[in-house]
């Protein structure tokens, strides 16, 4: 089980280091989507939990999301 990012008509698969069209990604890999999280939900989680999960504080997640999910 892992995460991937949907952006417009593409899927960014970080674990495999690939970008595919959504159609190809779902056709080839047939992911079983358990949940969806929005960019705002991730940013809010990051901002709300910096002290609880200090490792997150070292990752520029907000900047990453702003660049990846434009």
N, C-alpha and C. Protein backbone atom coordinates (compact mmCIF):
# COMPACT_ATOMS: atom_id res chain seq x y z
N UNK A 1 0.84 -1.17 0.00
CA UNK A 1 0.00 0.00 0.00
C UNK A 1 0.90 1.24 0.00
N UNK A 2 0.59 2.21 -0.86
CA UNK A 2 1.35 3.44 -0.91
C UNK A 2 0.50 4.54 -1.52
N UNK A 3 1.06 5.72 -1.57
CA UNK A 3 0.36 6.89 -2.08
C UNK A 3 0.86 7.27 -3.45
N UNK A 4 0.00 7.95 -4.18
CA UNK A 4 0.39 8.57 -5.44
C UNK A 4 -0.35 9.89 -5.55
N UNK A 5 0.11 10.73 -6.44
CA UNK A 5 -0.46 12.07 -6.57
C UNK A 5 -1.17 12.19 -7.91
N UNK A 6 -2.42 12.62 -7.87
CA UNK A 6 -3.15 12.93 -9.09
C UNK A 6 -3.04 14.42 -9.34
N UNK A 7 -2.61 14.77 -10.54
CA UNK A 7 -2.50 16.19 -10.91
C UNK A 7 -3.05 16.35 -12.32
N UNK A 8 -4.13 17.09 -12.42
CA UNK A 8 -4.81 17.27 -13.70
C UNK A 8 -5.13 15.89 -14.29
N UNK A 9 -4.59 15.58 -15.47
CA UNK A 9 -4.85 14.30 -16.12
C UNK A 9 -3.72 13.31 -15.93
N UNK A 10 -2.81 13.59 -15.00
CA UNK A 10 -1.65 12.72 -14.77
C UNK A 10 -1.64 12.15 -13.37
N UNK A 11 -0.85 11.08 -13.19
CA UNK A 11 -0.58 10.51 -11.89
C UNK A 11 0.93 10.52 -11.70
N UNK A 12 1.37 11.06 -10.57
CA UNK A 12 2.78 11.07 -10.21
C UNK A 12 2.98 9.94 -9.22
N UNK A 13 3.77 8.96 -9.62
CA UNK A 13 4.03 7.77 -8.82
C UNK A 13 5.45 7.90 -8.28
N UNK A 14 5.57 8.43 -7.07
CA UNK A 14 6.88 8.73 -6.50
C UNK A 14 7.68 7.47 -6.23
N UNK A 15 7.03 6.40 -5.75
CA UNK A 15 7.77 5.18 -5.42
C UNK A 15 8.38 4.53 -6.65
N UNK A 16 7.77 4.72 -7.82
CA UNK A 16 8.31 4.15 -9.07
C UNK A 16 9.01 5.20 -9.91
N UNK A 17 8.97 6.46 -9.46
CA UNK A 17 9.61 7.56 -10.17
C UNK A 17 9.08 7.69 -11.61
N UNK A 18 7.75 7.68 -11.76
CA UNK A 18 7.14 7.81 -13.08
C UNK A 18 5.97 8.78 -13.03
N UNK A 19 5.64 9.30 -14.19
CA UNK A 19 4.43 10.09 -14.38
C UNK A 19 3.69 9.47 -15.55
N UNK A 20 2.44 9.09 -15.31
CA UNK A 20 1.60 8.50 -16.35
C UNK A 20 0.30 9.27 -16.44
N UNK A 21 -0.37 9.13 -17.57
CA UNK A 21 -1.72 9.69 -17.64
C UNK A 21 -2.60 8.92 -16.66
N UNK A 22 -3.63 9.56 -16.15
CA UNK A 22 -4.54 8.87 -15.22
C UNK A 22 -5.12 7.62 -15.86
N UNK A 23 -5.52 7.75 -17.12
CA UNK A 23 -6.11 6.60 -17.81
C UNK A 23 -5.14 5.42 -17.83
N UNK A 24 -3.90 5.68 -18.21
CA UNK A 24 -2.90 4.60 -18.27
C UNK A 24 -2.60 4.04 -16.89
N UNK A 25 -2.45 4.92 -15.91
CA UNK A 25 -2.12 4.47 -14.55
C UNK A 25 -3.19 3.53 -14.01
N UNK A 26 -4.45 3.94 -14.12
CA UNK A 26 -5.53 3.12 -13.58
C UNK A 26 -5.72 1.84 -14.41
N UNK A 27 -5.51 1.91 -15.71
CA UNK A 27 -5.65 0.74 -16.57
C UNK A 27 -4.55 -0.28 -16.30
N UNK A 28 -3.31 0.20 -16.16
CA UNK A 28 -2.17 -0.70 -15.99
C UNK A 28 -2.03 -1.22 -14.56
N UNK A 29 -2.18 -0.35 -13.58
CA UNK A 29 -1.89 -0.73 -12.20
C UNK A 29 -3.12 -1.08 -11.37
N UNK A 30 -4.29 -0.68 -11.85
CA UNK A 30 -5.54 -0.99 -11.17
C UNK A 30 -5.46 -0.77 -9.65
N UNK A 31 -5.12 0.44 -9.23
CA UNK A 31 -4.99 0.70 -7.79
C UNK A 31 -6.33 0.60 -7.08
N UNK A 32 -6.30 0.10 -5.89
CA UNK A 32 -7.47 0.05 -5.03
C UNK A 32 -7.39 1.29 -4.13
N UNK A 33 -8.10 2.34 -4.50
CA UNK A 33 -8.02 3.62 -3.79
C UNK A 33 -8.81 3.50 -2.49
N UNK A 34 -8.10 3.59 -1.38
CA UNK A 34 -8.73 3.46 -0.07
C UNK A 34 -9.23 4.79 0.45
N UNK A 35 -8.51 5.86 0.14
CA UNK A 35 -8.91 7.20 0.60
C UNK A 35 -8.26 8.24 -0.31
N UNK A 36 -8.84 9.40 -0.31
CA UNK A 36 -8.27 10.53 -1.05
C UNK A 36 -8.04 11.67 -0.07
N UNK A 37 -6.94 12.36 -0.24
CA UNK A 37 -6.58 13.48 0.62
C UNK A 37 -6.29 14.67 -0.28
N UNK A 38 -6.85 15.81 0.07
CA UNK A 38 -6.61 17.01 -0.74
C UNK A 38 -5.31 17.69 -0.32
N UNK A 39 -4.83 18.56 -1.18
CA UNK A 39 -3.63 19.33 -0.87
C UNK A 39 -3.82 20.13 0.41
N UNK A 40 -4.97 20.75 0.57
CA UNK A 40 -5.23 21.55 1.78
C UNK A 40 -5.22 20.68 3.04
N UNK A 41 -5.75 19.47 2.95
CA UNK A 41 -5.74 18.58 4.11
C UNK A 41 -4.31 18.20 4.51
N UNK A 42 -3.46 17.94 3.53
CA UNK A 42 -2.07 17.60 3.82
C UNK A 42 -1.35 18.79 4.44
N UNK A 43 -1.53 19.95 3.87
CA UNK A 43 -0.87 21.15 4.40
C UNK A 43 -1.34 21.41 5.83
N UNK A 44 -2.64 21.31 6.07
CA UNK A 44 -3.16 21.53 7.43
C UNK A 44 -2.63 20.49 8.40
N UNK A 45 -2.54 19.23 8.00
CA UNK A 45 -1.98 18.19 8.85
C UNK A 45 -0.53 18.54 9.19
N UNK A 46 0.22 18.93 8.18
CA UNK A 46 1.62 19.31 8.38
C UNK A 46 1.73 20.46 9.38
N UNK A 47 0.95 21.49 9.17
CA UNK A 47 1.03 22.67 10.04
C UNK A 47 0.56 22.36 11.46
N UNK A 48 -0.42 21.49 11.59
CA UNK A 48 -0.97 21.14 12.92
C UNK A 48 -0.11 20.15 13.69
N UNK A 49 0.79 19.45 13.03
CA UNK A 49 1.52 18.35 13.67
C UNK A 49 3.03 18.47 13.64
N UNK A 50 3.54 19.65 13.42
CA UNK A 50 4.99 19.83 13.36
C UNK A 50 5.67 19.42 14.67
N UNK A 51 5.04 19.69 15.80
CA UNK A 51 5.65 19.33 17.09
C UNK A 51 5.49 17.84 17.40
N UNK A 52 4.35 17.27 17.04
CA UNK A 52 4.09 15.86 17.30
C UNK A 52 4.97 14.95 16.45
N UNK A 53 5.20 15.34 15.21
CA UNK A 53 6.03 14.57 14.29
C UNK A 53 7.17 15.47 13.81
N UNK A 54 8.21 15.63 14.62
CA UNK A 54 9.26 16.60 14.28
C UNK A 54 9.96 16.34 12.95
N UNK A 55 10.00 15.09 12.50
CA UNK A 55 10.67 14.82 11.21
C UNK A 55 9.98 15.56 10.08
N UNK A 56 8.65 15.75 10.20
CA UNK A 56 7.91 16.47 9.17
C UNK A 56 8.44 17.89 9.06
N UNK A 57 8.86 18.47 10.17
CA UNK A 57 9.35 19.83 10.15
C UNK A 57 10.58 20.02 9.30
N UNK A 58 11.29 18.94 9.00
CA UNK A 58 12.49 19.03 8.18
C UNK A 58 12.18 18.87 6.69
N UNK A 59 10.96 18.50 6.37
CA UNK A 59 10.56 18.29 4.98
C UNK A 59 9.79 19.52 4.50
N UNK A 60 10.22 20.14 3.43
CA UNK A 60 9.50 21.32 2.93
C UNK A 60 8.23 20.90 2.18
N UNK A 61 7.32 20.22 2.89
CA UNK A 61 6.13 19.64 2.26
C UNK A 61 5.23 20.70 1.63
N UNK A 62 5.10 21.84 2.26
CA UNK A 62 4.23 22.88 1.71
C UNK A 62 4.76 23.34 0.35
N UNK A 63 6.08 23.58 0.28
CA UNK A 63 6.65 24.00 -0.99
C UNK A 63 6.57 22.89 -2.04
N UNK A 64 6.79 21.64 -1.61
CA UNK A 64 6.69 20.51 -2.54
C UNK A 64 5.29 20.43 -3.13
N UNK A 65 4.29 20.50 -2.28
CA UNK A 65 2.91 20.41 -2.76
C UNK A 65 2.54 21.56 -3.66
N UNK A 66 3.00 22.74 -3.33
CA UNK A 66 2.67 23.88 -4.16
C UNK A 66 3.26 23.72 -5.56
N UNK A 67 4.43 23.09 -5.66
CA UNK A 67 5.06 22.89 -6.97
C UNK A 67 4.45 21.70 -7.71
N UNK A 68 4.18 20.62 -7.01
CA UNK A 68 3.67 19.42 -7.67
C UNK A 68 2.20 19.55 -8.05
N UNK A 69 1.42 20.17 -7.19
CA UNK A 69 -0.02 20.15 -7.37
C UNK A 69 -0.58 21.47 -7.86
N UNK A 70 0.12 22.17 -8.67
CA UNK A 70 -0.36 23.46 -9.20
C UNK A 70 -1.56 23.25 -10.09
